[in-house]
Protein backbone atom coordinates (compact mmCIF):
# COMPACT_ATOMS: atom_id res chain seq x y z
CA MET A 1 47.91 3.33 -30.33
CA SER A 2 47.39 -0.07 -28.93
CA THR A 3 46.29 -3.06 -30.82
CA GLN A 4 43.93 -5.65 -29.59
CA LEU A 5 44.31 -9.23 -30.43
CA ILE A 6 41.18 -10.82 -31.69
CA THR A 7 40.84 -14.54 -31.43
CA PRO A 8 38.69 -16.40 -33.84
CA GLY A 9 35.33 -17.49 -32.40
CA SER A 10 33.68 -16.08 -29.38
CA PRO A 11 34.97 -17.41 -26.03
CA GLY A 12 31.71 -16.72 -24.14
CA PRO A 13 29.27 -19.63 -24.08
CA ALA A 14 31.55 -22.44 -25.28
CA PRO A 15 33.35 -23.36 -21.99
CA THR A 16 30.14 -23.61 -19.96
CA ARG A 17 28.49 -25.68 -22.66
CA ARG A 18 31.43 -28.09 -22.72
CA ARG A 19 31.34 -28.34 -18.95
CA HIS A 20 27.66 -29.27 -19.04
CA LEU A 21 28.30 -31.88 -21.72
CA ARG A 22 31.16 -33.39 -19.69
CA THR A 23 28.99 -33.51 -16.56
CA ALA A 24 26.11 -35.14 -18.48
CA ALA A 25 28.48 -37.68 -20.05
CA ALA A 26 29.97 -38.55 -16.65
CA ALA A 27 26.47 -38.98 -15.15
CA ALA A 28 25.40 -41.20 -18.06
CA GLY A 29 28.58 -43.28 -17.64
CA VAL A 30 27.97 -43.75 -13.91
CA ALA A 31 24.33 -44.70 -14.55
CA ALA A 32 25.40 -47.22 -17.20
CA ALA A 33 27.97 -48.74 -14.82
CA ILE A 34 25.37 -49.07 -12.04
CA ALA A 35 22.87 -50.66 -14.43
CA ALA A 36 25.47 -53.10 -15.74
CA GLY A 37 26.49 -54.04 -12.19
CA GLY A 38 22.88 -54.62 -11.23
CA TYR A 39 22.31 -56.81 -14.26
CA VAL A 40 25.42 -58.88 -13.53
CA ALA A 41 24.44 -59.28 -9.87
CA THR A 42 20.91 -60.33 -10.79
CA THR A 43 22.02 -62.90 -13.33
CA THR A 44 24.72 -64.24 -11.02
CA PHE A 45 22.79 -64.46 -7.74
CA GLY A 46 19.16 -64.45 -8.88
CA PRO A 47 16.79 -67.40 -8.59
CA ASP A 48 17.10 -68.19 -12.29
CA SER A 49 20.90 -68.05 -12.35
CA ILE A 50 21.10 -71.84 -12.48
CA PRO A 51 19.27 -73.17 -15.49
CA PRO A 52 16.72 -75.86 -14.69
CA ALA A 53 17.68 -79.44 -15.38
CA PRO A 54 16.15 -80.86 -18.51
CA ALA A 55 13.15 -83.11 -18.06
CA PRO A 56 13.97 -86.80 -18.05
CA ALA A 57 13.36 -88.62 -21.27
CA PRO A 58 10.13 -90.60 -21.31
CA SER A 59 10.65 -94.21 -20.35
CA THR A 60 10.36 -96.73 -23.09
CA THR A 61 9.46 -99.50 -20.65
CA SER A 62 5.85 -99.63 -19.55
CA VAL A 63 4.88 -100.52 -16.00
CA THR A 64 1.59 -102.24 -15.43
CA ARG A 65 -0.80 -101.18 -12.73
CA ASP A 66 -0.18 -104.35 -10.74
CA GLN A 67 3.59 -103.77 -10.79
CA ALA A 68 3.16 -100.19 -9.64
CA MET A 69 0.81 -101.22 -6.83
CA GLY A 70 3.24 -103.96 -5.75
CA GLU A 71 6.13 -101.47 -5.61
CA MET A 72 4.00 -99.02 -3.66
CA ARG A 73 2.95 -101.69 -1.13
CA ALA A 74 6.57 -102.76 -0.71
CA ALA A 75 7.61 -99.16 -0.07
CA ILE A 76 4.84 -98.64 2.49
CA THR A 77 5.69 -101.91 4.21
CA GLY A 78 9.33 -100.84 4.37
CA LEU A 79 8.39 -97.50 5.89
CA TYR A 80 5.55 -98.42 8.26
CA GLY A 81 5.93 -102.12 9.04
CA PRO A 82 4.60 -105.43 7.83
CA ARG A 83 0.89 -104.61 8.10
CA ALA A 84 -0.58 -104.68 4.63
CA ALA A 85 -1.85 -101.43 3.20
CA GLY A 86 -5.61 -101.30 3.26
CA ALA A 87 -6.00 -104.05 5.85
CA THR A 88 -8.57 -103.23 8.49
CA VAL A 89 -7.65 -103.52 12.15
CA PRO A 90 -10.28 -104.94 14.50
CA ARG A 91 -11.64 -102.38 16.93
CA ALA A 92 -10.44 -104.22 20.02
CA GLN A 93 -6.91 -104.46 18.66
CA ALA A 94 -6.92 -100.77 17.71
CA LEU A 95 -8.08 -99.81 21.22
CA ARG A 96 -5.35 -101.97 22.82
CA GLU A 97 -2.71 -100.31 20.65
CA LEU A 98 -4.10 -96.87 21.44
CA ARG A 99 -4.10 -97.57 25.19
CA ALA A 100 -0.55 -98.91 24.99
CA ALA A 101 0.56 -95.76 23.15
CA VAL A 102 -1.13 -93.48 25.71
CA ILE A 103 0.39 -95.43 28.62
CA GLY A 104 3.78 -95.20 26.92
CA VAL A 105 3.48 -91.41 26.69
CA TYR A 106 1.66 -90.53 29.93
CA GLY A 107 2.24 -93.53 32.19
CA PRO A 108 -0.28 -96.02 33.58
CA GLN A 109 -3.57 -94.82 35.00
CA PRO A 110 -3.81 -95.40 38.72
CA ARG A 111 -6.40 -98.01 39.73
CA THR A 112 -8.94 -96.44 42.05
CA ALA A 113 -12.25 -97.61 43.33
CA THR A 114 -15.41 -96.26 41.75
CA VAL A 115 -16.34 -92.94 43.31
CA SER A 116 -19.92 -92.01 44.02
CA ARG A 117 -21.36 -88.75 42.79
CA ALA A 118 -21.68 -87.36 46.34
CA GLN A 119 -18.06 -88.18 47.12
CA ALA A 120 -16.90 -86.57 43.85
CA THR A 121 -18.91 -83.43 44.69
CA ARG A 122 -17.35 -83.26 48.18
CA GLU A 123 -13.85 -83.63 46.73
CA LEU A 124 -14.54 -80.96 44.14
CA ARG A 125 -15.82 -78.52 46.77
CA ALA A 126 -12.80 -79.25 48.97
CA THR A 127 -10.48 -78.53 46.07
CA ILE A 128 -12.26 -75.26 45.25
CA ASN A 129 -12.22 -74.22 48.92
CA GLY A 130 -8.52 -75.02 49.10
CA LEU A 131 -7.82 -72.89 46.04
CA TYR A 132 -10.17 -69.95 46.63
CA GLY A 133 -10.97 -70.06 50.33
CA ARG A 134 -14.09 -71.21 52.10
CA GLN A 135 -17.19 -69.15 51.54
CA THR A 136 -19.38 -68.48 54.52
CA GLY A 137 -23.15 -68.45 54.36
CA SER A 138 -24.85 -68.91 51.05
CA ALA A 139 -22.96 -69.56 47.86
CA THR A 140 -24.39 -66.45 46.19
CA VAL A 141 -22.79 -63.06 46.76
CA PRO A 142 -25.06 -60.03 47.18
CA ARG A 143 -24.99 -57.63 44.23
CA ALA A 144 -23.58 -54.70 46.23
CA GLN A 145 -20.70 -56.81 47.57
CA ALA A 146 -19.95 -58.14 44.06
CA MET A 147 -19.86 -54.58 42.68
CA ARG A 148 -17.49 -53.44 45.48
CA GLU A 149 -15.14 -56.35 44.75
CA LEU A 150 -15.28 -55.66 41.02
CA ARG A 151 -14.48 -51.95 41.51
CA SER A 152 -11.66 -52.85 43.88
CA THR A 153 -10.17 -55.29 41.37
CA ILE A 154 -10.40 -52.76 38.53
CA ALA A 155 -8.83 -50.07 40.70
CA ASN A 156 -5.97 -52.41 41.62
CA VAL A 157 -5.34 -53.38 38.01
CA TYR A 158 -5.82 -50.03 36.25
CA GLY A 159 -5.38 -47.52 39.05
CA SER A 160 -7.89 -45.37 40.80
CA ALA A 161 -10.09 -43.15 38.61
CA ARG A 162 -10.07 -40.36 41.18
């Protein structure tokens, strides 16, 4: 006869249950480490990582309105020149300064004689003819010719539809 050794407790479900518990504990540990790392990174590099400076204590000295205006005028004079703030500039002086600024940027305007309207029209037509070619006959283009040119332009740009 043979004897069987019987161990206390059943060996069946216990090892798999322990394995599941170990896996769950490892996953929880990894999740906690990731969360802690994220919190540390946020507090270290986030916008609120440097605490704001405390507000300055209220001044015990009072400044009158006239003193404040005088300081402001002095600051503006230091930044923009000796002209007093709020002083009006005569129109003629403002126009001279504006013309001087424009001439400084773009150069002086050439002095030419006054041009008549007819001469200006001739020069304009000559310029247009030089750019786009001289048109023969009337200035208007017949509708059929305009449509042919339009179709030709569209075909050149987008390709032929046929």
